[in-house]
Amino acid sequence: MSKLDAYTLRANLTARDIGILEDLKRFRLLSTRQIQRLHFSHPGAHSTVVGATRAAHRVLGRLQSHRLLAQLERRVGRPERAS
């Protein structure tokens, strides 16, 4: 990413985007649900939990498409056993 691309991207990030990235830097790992509770569940933001969940997924997908965060693979069960 060039400096110009980085500046353009930074100019297009919202305060909420920056807050999410700062929390991920601070905590290093957060679930979608945790990010939703921190950044999408304040009064007046969304009228329903479903709406907040959709918005969280949309924003996290956008940040991932900009390569600002990565989604970890979900592990189910222990490695030595099938789940």
Protein backbone atom coordinates (compact mmCIF):
# COMPACT_ATOMS: atom_id res chain seq x y z
CA MET A 1 0.00 0.00 0.00
CA SER A 2 1.41 3.36 -0.99
CA LYS A 3 1.39 6.37 1.31
CA LEU A 4 -1.26 7.99 -0.86
CA ASP A 5 -3.46 4.89 -0.58
CA ALA A 6 -2.95 4.85 3.19
CA TYR A 7 -3.90 8.53 3.51
CA THR A 8 -6.97 8.03 1.30
CA LEU A 9 -8.05 5.03 3.31
CA ARG A 10 -7.52 6.88 6.60
CA ALA A 11 -9.62 9.78 5.35
CA ASN A 12 -12.49 7.39 4.60
CA LEU A 13 -12.52 5.62 7.97
CA THR A 14 -15.25 6.60 10.40
CA ALA A 15 -14.72 7.31 14.08
CA ARG A 16 -16.33 3.93 14.79
CA ASP A 17 -13.92 2.18 12.37
CA ILE A 18 -10.98 3.75 14.17
CA GLY A 19 -12.45 2.82 17.55
CA ILE A 20 -12.79 -0.82 16.45
CA LEU A 21 -9.19 -0.89 15.20
CA GLU A 22 -7.94 0.72 18.42
CA ASP A 23 -9.79 -1.87 20.52
CA LEU A 24 -8.36 -4.69 18.40
CA LYS A 25 -4.89 -3.25 18.89
CA ARG A 26 -5.47 -2.98 22.63
CA PHE A 27 -7.08 -6.41 23.19
CA ARG A 28 -5.48 -8.21 20.19
CA LEU A 29 -8.46 -10.52 19.77
CA LEU A 30 -12.18 -9.78 19.97
CA SER A 31 -15.17 -11.76 18.77
CA THR A 32 -17.74 -10.19 16.48
CA ARG A 33 -20.19 -10.24 19.39
CA GLN A 34 -17.75 -8.35 21.63
CA ILE A 35 -17.16 -5.73 18.93
CA GLN A 36 -20.91 -5.45 18.44
CA ARG A 37 -21.47 -4.82 22.15
CA LEU A 38 -18.68 -2.23 22.30
CA HIS A 39 -19.44 -0.29 19.13
CA PHE A 40 -22.94 -1.05 17.85
CA SER A 41 -25.16 -1.35 20.93
CA HIS A 42 -25.25 2.16 22.34
CA PRO A 43 -28.67 3.83 22.66
CA GLY A 44 -29.94 5.19 19.37
CA ALA A 45 -27.51 3.20 17.23
CA HIS A 46 -29.77 0.32 16.21
CA SER A 47 -33.30 -0.50 17.20
CA THR A 48 -32.74 -4.27 17.38
CA VAL A 49 -29.96 -6.71 18.14
CA VAL A 50 -30.40 -8.13 14.62
CA GLY A 51 -29.79 -4.68 13.15
CA ALA A 52 -26.68 -4.20 15.29
CA THR A 53 -25.41 -7.64 14.24
CA ARG A 54 -25.90 -6.89 10.55
CA ALA A 55 -24.16 -3.54 10.87
CA ALA A 56 -21.24 -5.11 12.75
CA HIS A 57 -20.82 -7.78 10.07
CA ARG A 58 -20.98 -5.18 7.32
CA VAL A 59 -18.38 -2.90 8.93
CA LEU A 60 -16.04 -5.78 9.85
CA GLY A 61 -16.30 -7.11 6.29
CA ARG A 62 -15.37 -3.69 4.91
CA LEU A 63 -12.37 -3.41 7.25
CA GLN A 64 -11.31 -6.91 6.26
CA SER A 65 -11.61 -6.06 2.55
CA HIS A 66 -9.25 -3.12 3.17
CA ARG A 67 -6.88 -5.61 4.82
CA LEU A 68 -7.00 -3.76 8.14
CA LEU A 69 -8.00 -6.89 10.04
CA ALA A 70 -8.15 -10.61 9.47
CA GLN A 71 -10.69 -13.20 10.43
CA LEU A 72 -9.40 -16.26 12.24
CA GLU A 73 -10.59 -19.70 11.27
CA ARG A 74 -13.08 -21.13 13.69
CA ARG A 75 -11.80 -24.24 15.46
CA VAL A 76 -14.39 -26.71 16.61
CA GLY A 77 -13.37 -29.51 18.91
CA ARG A 78 -9.89 -30.67 19.75
CA PRO A 79 -7.32 -31.41 17.05
CA GLU A 80 -7.16 -35.12 17.89
CA ARG A 81 -10.92 -35.62 17.60
CA ALA A 82 -13.41 -34.93 14.87
CA SER A 83 -16.25 -32.67 15.87
